[in-house]
Amino acid sequence: MAGVITRGVLFVHSAPRALCPHIEWAAGGVLGVRLTLDWTEQPAAPGMFRAERSWQGPQGTGAQLTSGLRGWAHLRYEVTEEASHGSDGARWSHTPELGIFHAATDVHGNVVVPEDRIRAALEHGRDSARLRAELGLALGQAWDDELEPFRYAGAGAPVRWLHRVG
């Protein structure tokens, strides 16, 4: 459905200082605004910085933000997009070591695993370790494990909301 607006959050979990203005430029270009993020030190990675920014825009903005930040070394980030009329929500997680993980999410932010992924994992039902590994991959467990210390370090950090008016 054209013109449907959704919202989400860009979480930059860790970035080197030199990359911060480039992140603002790339995200601002996607959002159509001049973007200045409130950078704070990232206690989980000395010498790195973190920022969060809520956004509002057309469906697909989360994917565009993710693409705009893709490929930069030493950058850890997540982008969420809430479910909206005619579209599931989504979450993208990125780490330098693992690359990008994408998952559809429900209205509560839970990862939704497609039935074909579950069926493929069940093919390894006799091998419990492999079954766990396949389900962990489908849920993005490796990304969650790597990003959790960075998320925790950002607990209580301010979030600035961007709303379009008019």
N, C-alpha and C. Protein backbone atom coordinates (compact mmCIF):
# COMPACT_ATOMS: atom_id res chain seq x y z
N MET A 1 0.85 -1.18 0.00
CA MET A 1 0.00 0.00 0.00
C MET A 1 0.89 1.24 0.00
N ALA A 2 0.79 2.04 -1.05
CA ALA A 2 1.62 3.24 -1.17
C ALA A 2 1.22 4.27 -0.12
N GLY A 3 2.22 4.96 0.39
CA GLY A 3 1.97 6.05 1.32
C GLY A 3 1.78 5.65 2.76
N VAL A 4 1.90 4.35 3.09
CA VAL A 4 1.74 3.94 4.48
C VAL A 4 2.98 4.34 5.26
N ILE A 5 2.75 5.00 6.38
CA ILE A 5 3.85 5.48 7.23
C ILE A 5 4.03 4.52 8.40
N THR A 6 5.26 4.26 8.72
CA THR A 6 5.61 3.45 9.87
C THR A 6 6.69 4.18 10.66
N ARG A 7 7.15 3.55 11.71
CA ARG A 7 8.24 4.16 12.49
C ARG A 7 9.16 3.07 13.00
N GLY A 8 10.28 3.50 13.49
CA GLY A 8 11.26 2.56 13.99
C GLY A 8 12.35 3.30 14.73
N VAL A 9 13.43 2.57 15.00
CA VAL A 9 14.56 3.14 15.71
C VAL A 9 15.85 2.68 15.05
N LEU A 10 16.78 3.60 14.92
CA LEU A 10 18.14 3.29 14.50
C LEU A 10 18.98 3.27 15.77
N PHE A 11 19.59 2.13 16.06
CA PHE A 11 20.49 1.99 17.20
C PHE A 11 21.90 1.81 16.65
N VAL A 12 22.75 2.80 16.82
CA VAL A 12 24.16 2.64 16.47
C VAL A 12 24.82 2.22 17.78
N HIS A 13 25.20 0.94 17.86
CA HIS A 13 25.74 0.41 19.10
C HIS A 13 27.21 0.76 19.30
N SER A 14 27.97 0.78 18.22
CA SER A 14 29.37 1.19 18.34
C SER A 14 29.90 1.62 16.98
N ALA A 15 30.57 2.76 17.01
CA ALA A 15 31.17 3.32 15.80
C ALA A 15 32.40 4.12 16.20
N PRO A 16 33.46 4.06 15.40
CA PRO A 16 34.61 4.92 15.66
C PRO A 16 34.22 6.39 15.43
N ARG A 17 34.85 7.28 16.17
CA ARG A 17 34.54 8.72 16.09
C ARG A 17 34.57 9.22 14.65
N ALA A 18 35.55 8.79 13.87
CA ALA A 18 35.69 9.29 12.50
C ALA A 18 34.51 8.89 11.61
N LEU A 19 33.80 7.84 11.97
CA LEU A 19 32.68 7.37 11.17
C LEU A 19 31.36 8.07 11.52
N CYS A 20 31.30 8.68 12.69
CA CYS A 20 30.04 9.29 13.17
C CYS A 20 29.41 10.28 12.20
N PRO A 21 30.15 11.25 11.64
CA PRO A 21 29.50 12.18 10.70
C PRO A 21 29.01 11.49 9.43
N HIS A 22 29.69 10.43 9.01
CA HIS A 22 29.27 9.70 7.82
C HIS A 22 27.97 8.95 8.07
N ILE A 23 27.81 8.43 9.28
CA ILE A 23 26.56 7.76 9.66
C ILE A 23 25.42 8.77 9.66
N GLU A 24 25.66 9.95 10.23
CA GLU A 24 24.63 10.99 10.24
C GLU A 24 24.23 11.38 8.82
N TRP A 25 25.21 11.53 7.95
CA TRP A 25 24.94 11.91 6.57
C TRP A 25 24.13 10.83 5.86
N ALA A 26 24.54 9.57 6.00
CA ALA A 26 23.85 8.47 5.32
C ALA A 26 22.43 8.30 5.83
N ALA A 27 22.24 8.29 7.15
CA ALA A 27 20.90 8.12 7.73
C ALA A 27 20.03 9.33 7.41
N GLY A 28 20.60 10.53 7.49
CA GLY A 28 19.85 11.73 7.16
C GLY A 28 19.38 11.74 5.72
N GLY A 29 20.21 11.23 4.82
CA GLY A 29 19.83 11.14 3.41
C GLY A 29 18.62 10.24 3.21
N VAL A 30 18.60 9.12 3.92
CA VAL A 30 17.46 8.21 3.82
C VAL A 30 16.21 8.85 4.41
N LEU A 31 16.37 9.50 5.56
CA LEU A 31 15.22 10.08 6.26
C LEU A 31 14.78 11.43 5.69
N GLY A 32 15.60 12.01 4.84
CA GLY A 32 15.25 13.29 4.24
C GLY A 32 15.37 14.46 5.18
N VAL A 33 16.26 14.36 6.16
CA VAL A 33 16.47 15.44 7.13
C VAL A 33 17.97 15.61 7.37
N ARG A 34 18.33 16.79 7.83
CA ARG A 34 19.70 17.00 8.30
C ARG A 34 19.75 16.37 9.69
N LEU A 35 20.58 15.39 9.85
CA LEU A 35 20.58 14.58 11.07
C LEU A 35 21.82 14.85 11.90
N THR A 36 21.61 15.16 13.15
CA THR A 36 22.69 15.28 14.13
C THR A 36 22.34 14.35 15.28
N LEU A 37 23.15 13.34 15.49
CA LEU A 37 22.89 12.37 16.55
C LEU A 37 23.61 12.80 17.83
N ASP A 38 23.06 12.41 18.95
CA ASP A 38 23.68 12.66 20.25
C ASP A 38 24.60 11.49 20.56
N TRP A 39 25.87 11.64 20.24
CA TRP A 39 26.85 10.57 20.41
C TRP A 39 27.33 10.54 21.85
N THR A 40 27.39 9.33 22.42
CA THR A 40 27.95 9.14 23.75
C THR A 40 28.98 8.02 23.67
N GLU A 41 29.88 8.01 24.62
CA GLU A 41 30.88 6.94 24.63
C GLU A 41 30.21 5.60 24.86
N GLN A 42 30.73 4.57 24.24
CA GLN A 42 30.21 3.22 24.38
C GLN A 42 31.08 2.49 25.40
N PRO A 43 30.58 2.29 26.63
CA PRO A 43 31.38 1.65 27.66
C PRO A 43 31.79 0.22 27.33
N ALA A 44 31.03 -0.46 26.48
CA ALA A 44 31.36 -1.84 26.13
C ALA A 44 32.53 -1.92 25.15
N ALA A 45 32.90 -0.81 24.54
CA ALA A 45 34.00 -0.77 23.58
C ALA A 45 34.70 0.58 23.70
N PRO A 46 35.69 0.67 24.57
CA PRO A 46 36.39 1.94 24.76
C PRO A 46 36.89 2.51 23.42
N GLY A 47 36.70 3.82 23.26
CA GLY A 47 37.10 4.48 22.03
C GLY A 47 36.01 4.50 20.97
N MET A 48 34.90 3.82 21.24
CA MET A 48 33.77 3.79 20.30
C MET A 48 32.63 4.64 20.86
N PHE A 49 31.70 4.99 19.97
CA PHE A 49 30.57 5.85 20.34
C PHE A 49 29.27 5.20 19.93
N ARG A 50 28.19 5.60 20.61
CA ARG A 50 26.87 5.05 20.37
C ARG A 50 25.86 6.18 20.24
N ALA A 51 24.76 5.90 19.55
CA ALA A 51 23.67 6.86 19.42
C ALA A 51 22.39 6.11 19.06
N GLU A 52 21.26 6.72 19.36
CA GLU A 52 19.96 6.16 18.99
C GLU A 52 19.12 7.26 18.39
N ARG A 53 18.27 6.90 17.44
CA ARG A 53 17.38 7.89 16.86
C ARG A 53 16.12 7.19 16.40
N SER A 54 15.01 7.65 16.87
CA SER A 54 13.71 7.19 16.40
C SER A 54 13.43 7.86 15.06
N TRP A 55 12.72 7.18 14.20
CA TRP A 55 12.39 7.75 12.90
C TRP A 55 10.96 7.41 12.53
N GLN A 56 10.43 8.14 11.58
CA GLN A 56 9.11 7.89 11.03
C GLN A 56 9.21 8.11 9.53
N GLY A 57 8.65 7.17 8.75
CA GLY A 57 8.73 7.29 7.31
C GLY A 57 7.94 6.21 6.61
N PRO A 58 8.02 6.16 5.30
CA PRO A 58 7.28 5.15 4.53
C PRO A 58 7.78 3.74 4.82
N GLN A 59 6.90 2.76 4.60
CA GLN A 59 7.33 1.36 4.72
C GLN A 59 8.58 1.16 3.88
N GLY A 60 9.52 0.40 4.41
CA GLY A 60 10.77 0.15 3.70
C GLY A 60 11.90 1.06 4.13
N THR A 61 11.61 2.04 4.96
CA THR A 61 12.66 2.96 5.42
C THR A 61 13.72 2.21 6.21
N GLY A 62 13.31 1.21 7.00
CA GLY A 62 14.27 0.43 7.78
C GLY A 62 15.28 -0.27 6.87
N ALA A 63 14.80 -0.85 5.79
CA ALA A 63 15.69 -1.52 4.83
C ALA A 63 16.63 -0.52 4.18
N GLN A 64 16.12 0.67 3.86
CA GLN A 64 16.97 1.70 3.25
C GLN A 64 18.05 2.18 4.21
N LEU A 65 17.68 2.35 5.49
CA LEU A 65 18.69 2.74 6.49
C LEU A 65 19.78 1.68 6.59
N THR A 66 19.36 0.42 6.65
CA THR A 66 20.31 -0.67 6.75
C THR A 66 21.25 -0.70 5.55
N SER A 67 20.70 -0.55 4.36
CA SER A 67 21.53 -0.53 3.16
C SER A 67 22.50 0.65 3.16
N GLY A 68 22.04 1.78 3.66
CA GLY A 68 22.89 2.96 3.71
C GLY A 68 24.07 2.84 4.64
N LEU A 69 23.95 1.98 5.64
CA LEU A 69 25.03 1.81 6.62
C LEU A 69 25.85 0.55 6.37
N ARG A 70 25.46 -0.23 5.42
CA ARG A 70 26.09 -1.51 5.14
C ARG A 70 27.54 -1.35 4.68
N GLY A 71 28.39 -2.24 5.18
CA GLY A 71 29.74 -2.34 4.66
C GLY A 71 30.81 -1.52 5.37
N TRP A 72 30.45 -0.73 6.37
CA TRP A 72 31.47 0.04 7.06
C TRP A 72 32.10 -0.79 8.17
N ALA A 73 33.42 -0.83 8.17
CA ALA A 73 34.15 -1.60 9.18
C ALA A 73 33.94 -1.00 10.57
N HIS A 74 33.97 -1.84 11.57
CA HIS A 74 33.91 -1.45 12.98
C HIS A 74 32.56 -0.88 13.40
N LEU A 75 31.53 -1.06 12.59
CA LEU A 75 30.21 -0.50 12.90
C LEU A 75 29.26 -1.61 13.34
N ARG A 76 28.66 -1.41 14.51
CA ARG A 76 27.60 -2.30 15.00
C ARG A 76 26.32 -1.49 15.10
N TYR A 77 25.26 -2.00 14.50
CA TYR A 77 24.00 -1.26 14.55
C TYR A 77 22.81 -2.20 14.41
N GLU A 78 21.65 -1.67 14.78
CA GLU A 78 20.39 -2.35 14.55
C GLU A 78 19.39 -1.31 14.07
N VAL A 79 18.49 -1.76 13.23
CA VAL A 79 17.40 -0.93 12.74
C VAL A 79 16.12 -1.72 12.96
N THR A 80 15.13 -1.06 13.54
CA THR A 80 13.82 -1.70 13.68
C THR A 80 12.81 -0.91 12.86
N GLU A 81 11.81 -1.64 12.37
CA GLU A 81 10.69 -1.02 11.68
C GLU A 81 9.43 -1.69 12.21
N GLU A 82 8.52 -0.90 12.75
CA GLU A 82 7.29 -1.44 13.33
C GLU A 82 6.37 -1.97 12.24
N ALA A 83 5.55 -2.94 12.62
CA ALA A 83 4.52 -3.44 11.72
C ALA A 83 3.55 -2.30 11.41
N SER A 84 3.06 -2.27 10.19
CA SER A 84 2.10 -1.25 9.80
C SER A 84 1.09 -1.89 8.85
N HIS A 85 0.09 -1.15 8.47
CA HIS A 85 -0.97 -1.70 7.63
C HIS A 85 -0.39 -2.37 6.39
N GLY A 86 -0.62 -3.66 6.27
CA GLY A 86 -0.17 -4.40 5.10
C GLY A 86 1.26 -4.87 5.14
N SER A 87 1.95 -4.68 6.26
CA SER A 87 3.37 -5.05 6.32
C SER A 87 3.77 -5.50 7.72
N ASP A 88 4.53 -6.59 7.77
CA ASP A 88 5.09 -7.01 9.04
C ASP A 88 6.16 -6.03 9.47
N GLY A 89 6.51 -6.09 10.73
CA GLY A 89 7.65 -5.33 11.20
C GLY A 89 8.94 -6.04 10.79
N ALA A 90 10.06 -5.42 11.10
CA ALA A 90 11.34 -6.02 10.74
C ALA A 90 12.43 -5.52 11.67
N ARG A 91 13.48 -6.32 11.75
CA ARG A 91 14.67 -5.93 12.50
C ARG A 91 15.88 -6.36 11.69
N TRP A 92 16.83 -5.44 11.58
CA TRP A 92 18.11 -5.72 10.94
C TRP A 92 19.18 -5.52 12.00
N SER A 93 20.08 -6.47 12.11
CA SER A 93 21.20 -6.38 13.05
C SER A 93 22.48 -6.53 12.25
N HIS A 94 23.49 -5.73 12.59
CA HIS A 94 24.76 -5.80 11.87
C HIS A 94 25.92 -5.79 12.85
N THR A 95 26.87 -6.68 12.61
CA THR A 95 28.15 -6.65 13.31
C THR A 95 29.24 -6.80 12.25
N PRO A 96 30.43 -6.28 12.52
CA PRO A 96 31.51 -6.42 11.53
C PRO A 96 31.85 -7.89 11.23
N GLU A 97 31.76 -8.73 12.24
CA GLU A 97 32.15 -10.13 12.08
C GLU A 97 31.07 -10.96 11.38
N LEU A 98 29.80 -10.66 11.63
CA LEU A 98 28.71 -11.50 11.14
C LEU A 98 27.97 -10.92 9.94
N GLY A 99 28.11 -9.64 9.69
CA GLY A 99 27.35 -9.01 8.61
C GLY A 99 25.94 -8.69 9.07
N ILE A 100 24.98 -8.72 8.14
CA ILE A 100 23.61 -8.31 8.43
C ILE A 100 22.71 -9.52 8.64
N PHE A 101 21.89 -9.44 9.68
CA PHE A 101 20.81 -10.41 9.92
C PHE A 101 19.50 -9.65 9.77
N HIS A 102 18.56 -10.24 9.06
CA HIS A 102 17.23 -9.65 8.90
C HIS A 102 16.17 -10.64 9.34
N ALA A 103 15.17 -10.14 10.04
CA ALA A 103 14.05 -10.98 10.44
C ALA A 103 12.77 -10.16 10.41
N ALA A 104 11.69 -10.81 10.03
CA ALA A 104 10.38 -10.20 10.18
C ALA A 104 10.04 -10.24 11.67
N THR A 105 9.25 -9.26 12.12
CA THR A 105 8.84 -9.22 13.51
C THR A 105 7.34 -9.01 13.59
N ASP A 106 6.77 -9.46 14.73
CA ASP A 106 5.34 -9.24 14.94
C ASP A 106 5.12 -7.88 15.59
N VAL A 107 3.90 -7.59 15.96
CA VAL A 107 3.59 -6.27 16.53
C VAL A 107 4.26 -6.05 17.88
N HIS A 108 4.75 -7.11 18.52
CA HIS A 108 5.43 -6.98 19.80
C HIS A 108 6.95 -6.96 19.66
N GLY A 109 7.45 -7.06 18.43
CA GLY A 109 8.88 -7.05 18.19
C GLY A 109 9.53 -8.42 18.23
N ASN A 110 8.74 -9.48 18.37
CA ASN A 110 9.28 -10.84 18.37
C ASN A 110 9.65 -11.26 16.95
N VAL A 111 10.75 -11.97 16.82
CA VAL A 111 11.16 -12.49 15.53
C VAL A 111 10.16 -13.55 15.08
N VAL A 112 9.75 -13.46 13.83
CA VAL A 112 8.84 -14.43 13.23
C VAL A 112 9.65 -15.29 12.28
N VAL A 113 9.66 -16.60 12.53
CA VAL A 113 10.44 -17.51 11.70
C VAL A 113 9.50 -18.16 10.68
N PRO A 114 9.78 -18.00 9.40
CA PRO A 114 8.93 -18.60 8.37
C PRO A 114 8.89 -20.13 8.48
N GLU A 115 7.76 -20.70 8.10
CA GLU A 115 7.59 -22.14 8.25
C GLU A 115 8.63 -22.94 7.48
N ASP A 116 9.08 -22.46 6.34
CA ASP A 116 10.10 -23.20 5.59
C ASP A 116 11.42 -23.28 6.35
N ARG A 117 11.77 -22.22 7.10
CA ARG A 117 12.99 -22.26 7.94
C ARG A 117 12.83 -23.30 9.04
N ILE A 118 11.63 -23.36 9.63
CA ILE A 118 11.38 -24.34 10.69
C ILE A 118 11.43 -25.76 10.11
N ARG A 119 10.80 -25.96 8.97
CA ARG A 119 10.84 -27.29 8.33
C ARG A 119 12.27 -27.71 8.01
N ALA A 120 13.07 -26.78 7.51
CA ALA A 120 14.47 -27.10 7.21
C ALA A 120 15.23 -27.47 8.48
N ALA A 121 14.99 -26.74 9.57
CA ALA A 121 15.65 -27.06 10.84
C ALA A 121 15.21 -28.43 11.34
N LEU A 122 13.94 -28.75 11.17
CA LEU A 122 13.42 -30.04 11.64
C LEU A 122 14.02 -31.23 10.90
N GLU A 123 14.56 -30.98 9.72
CA GLU A 123 15.25 -32.04 8.98
C GLU A 123 16.41 -32.61 9.80
N HIS A 124 16.88 -31.84 10.78
CA HIS A 124 18.01 -32.26 11.62
C HIS A 124 17.52 -32.68 13.00
N GLY A 125 16.26 -33.08 13.10
CA GLY A 125 15.63 -33.41 14.38
C GLY A 125 16.34 -34.50 15.16
N ARG A 126 17.01 -35.40 14.49
CA ARG A 126 17.72 -36.48 15.20
C ARG A 126 19.05 -36.01 15.79
N ASP A 127 19.52 -34.87 15.30
CA ASP A 127 20.78 -34.30 15.78
C ASP A 127 20.43 -33.01 16.54
N SER A 128 20.27 -33.13 17.85
CA SER A 128 19.77 -31.99 18.64
C SER A 128 20.71 -30.78 18.57
N ALA A 129 21.99 -30.99 18.49
CA ALA A 129 22.93 -29.87 18.40
C ALA A 129 22.73 -29.13 17.07
N ARG A 130 22.58 -29.86 16.00
CA ARG A 130 22.36 -29.23 14.69
C ARG A 130 21.01 -28.54 14.63
N LEU A 131 19.98 -29.16 15.23
CA LEU A 131 18.65 -28.55 15.29
C LEU A 131 18.72 -27.21 16.02
N ARG A 132 19.41 -27.20 17.17
CA ARG A 132 19.57 -25.95 17.93
C ARG A 132 20.32 -24.90 17.11
N ALA A 133 21.36 -25.34 16.41
CA ALA A 133 22.15 -24.41 15.60
C ALA A 133 21.30 -23.81 14.48
N GLU A 134 20.50 -24.62 13.81
CA GLU A 134 19.64 -24.13 12.73
C GLU A 134 18.58 -23.15 13.25
N LEU A 135 17.97 -23.48 14.38
CA LEU A 135 16.98 -22.57 14.97
C LEU A 135 17.64 -21.29 15.48
N GLY A 136 18.84 -21.43 16.04
CA GLY A 136 19.59 -20.24 16.48
C GLY A 136 19.90 -19.32 15.32
N LEU A 137 20.25 -19.89 14.18
CA LEU A 137 20.52 -19.09 12.98
C LEU A 137 19.24 -18.39 12.51
N ALA A 138 18.13 -19.11 12.52
CA ALA A 138 16.86 -18.53 12.09
C ALA A 138 16.42 -17.38 13.00
N LEU A 139 16.78 -17.45 14.27
CA LEU A 139 16.41 -16.42 15.24
C LEU A 139 17.45 -15.30 15.36
N GLY A 140 18.60 -15.47 14.72
CA GLY A 140 19.65 -14.45 14.81
C GLY A 140 20.39 -14.48 16.14
N GLN A 141 20.51 -15.65 16.73
CA GLN A 141 21.10 -15.77 18.06
C GLN A 141 22.54 -15.26 18.12
N ALA A 142 23.33 -15.54 17.11
CA ALA A 142 24.73 -15.08 17.12
C ALA A 142 24.80 -13.55 17.15
N TRP A 143 23.92 -12.88 16.43
CA TRP A 143 23.88 -11.41 16.43
C TRP A 143 23.44 -10.90 17.80
N ASP A 144 22.40 -11.52 18.35
CA ASP A 144 21.96 -11.12 19.69
C ASP A 144 23.07 -11.31 20.72
N ASP A 145 23.78 -12.43 20.64
CA ASP A 145 24.86 -12.69 21.60
C ASP A 145 25.95 -11.63 21.50
N GLU A 146 26.30 -11.26 20.27
CA GLU A 146 27.37 -10.27 20.09
C GLU A 146 26.91 -8.86 20.46
N LEU A 147 25.67 -8.52 20.18
CA LEU A 147 25.19 -7.16 20.42
C LEU A 147 24.70 -6.91 21.84
N GLU A 148 24.39 -7.95 22.59
CA GLU A 148 23.79 -7.76 23.91
C GLU A 148 24.64 -6.89 24.84
N PRO A 149 25.96 -7.06 24.93
CA PRO A 149 26.74 -6.16 25.80
C PRO A 149 26.65 -4.70 25.37
N PHE A 150 26.50 -4.46 24.08
CA PHE A 150 26.39 -3.09 23.56
C PHE A 150 25.01 -2.52 23.84
N ARG A 151 23.99 -3.35 23.76
CA ARG A 151 22.63 -2.92 24.10
C ARG A 151 22.55 -2.56 25.58
N TYR A 152 23.10 -3.41 26.41
CA TYR A 152 23.05 -3.20 27.86
C TYR A 152 23.76 -1.91 28.23
N ALA A 153 24.89 -1.66 27.58
CA ALA A 153 25.66 -0.45 27.87
C ALA A 153 24.88 0.80 27.49
N GLY A 154 23.90 0.66 26.59
CA GLY A 154 23.11 1.81 26.18
C GLY A 154 21.81 1.96 26.93
N ALA A 155 21.54 1.08 27.90
CA ALA A 155 20.28 1.16 28.64
C ALA A 155 20.17 2.51 29.34
N GLY A 156 19.04 3.13 29.19
CA GLY A 156 18.80 4.42 29.82
C GLY A 156 19.27 5.61 29.00
N ALA A 157 19.85 5.36 27.83
CA ALA A 157 20.32 6.46 26.98
C ALA A 157 19.12 7.17 26.37
N PRO A 158 19.25 8.48 26.12
CA PRO A 158 18.12 9.23 25.56
C PRO A 158 17.85 8.83 24.12
N VAL A 159 16.59 8.85 23.73
CA VAL A 159 16.17 8.60 22.36
C VAL A 159 15.42 9.83 21.89
N ARG A 160 15.80 10.38 20.76
CA ARG A 160 15.11 11.55 20.19
C ARG A 160 14.16 11.05 19.11
N TRP A 161 12.92 11.49 19.16
CA TRP A 161 11.89 11.05 18.22
C TRP A 161 11.81 12.02 17.05
N LEU A 162 11.74 11.49 15.85
CA LEU A 162 11.56 12.29 14.63
C LEU A 162 10.15 12.07 14.13
N HIS A 163 9.38 13.11 13.99
CA HIS A 163 8.01 13.01 13.48
C HIS A 163 7.84 13.99 12.33
N ARG A 164 7.14 13.54 11.32
CA ARG A 164 6.79 14.45 10.25
C ARG A 164 5.51 15.17 10.63
N VAL A 165 5.49 16.45 10.40
CA VAL A 165 4.33 17.25 10.74
C VAL A 165 3.69 17.76 9.46
N GLY A 166 2.37 17.71 9.42
CA GLY A 166 1.67 18.30 8.29
C GLY A 166 1.27 17.39 7.23
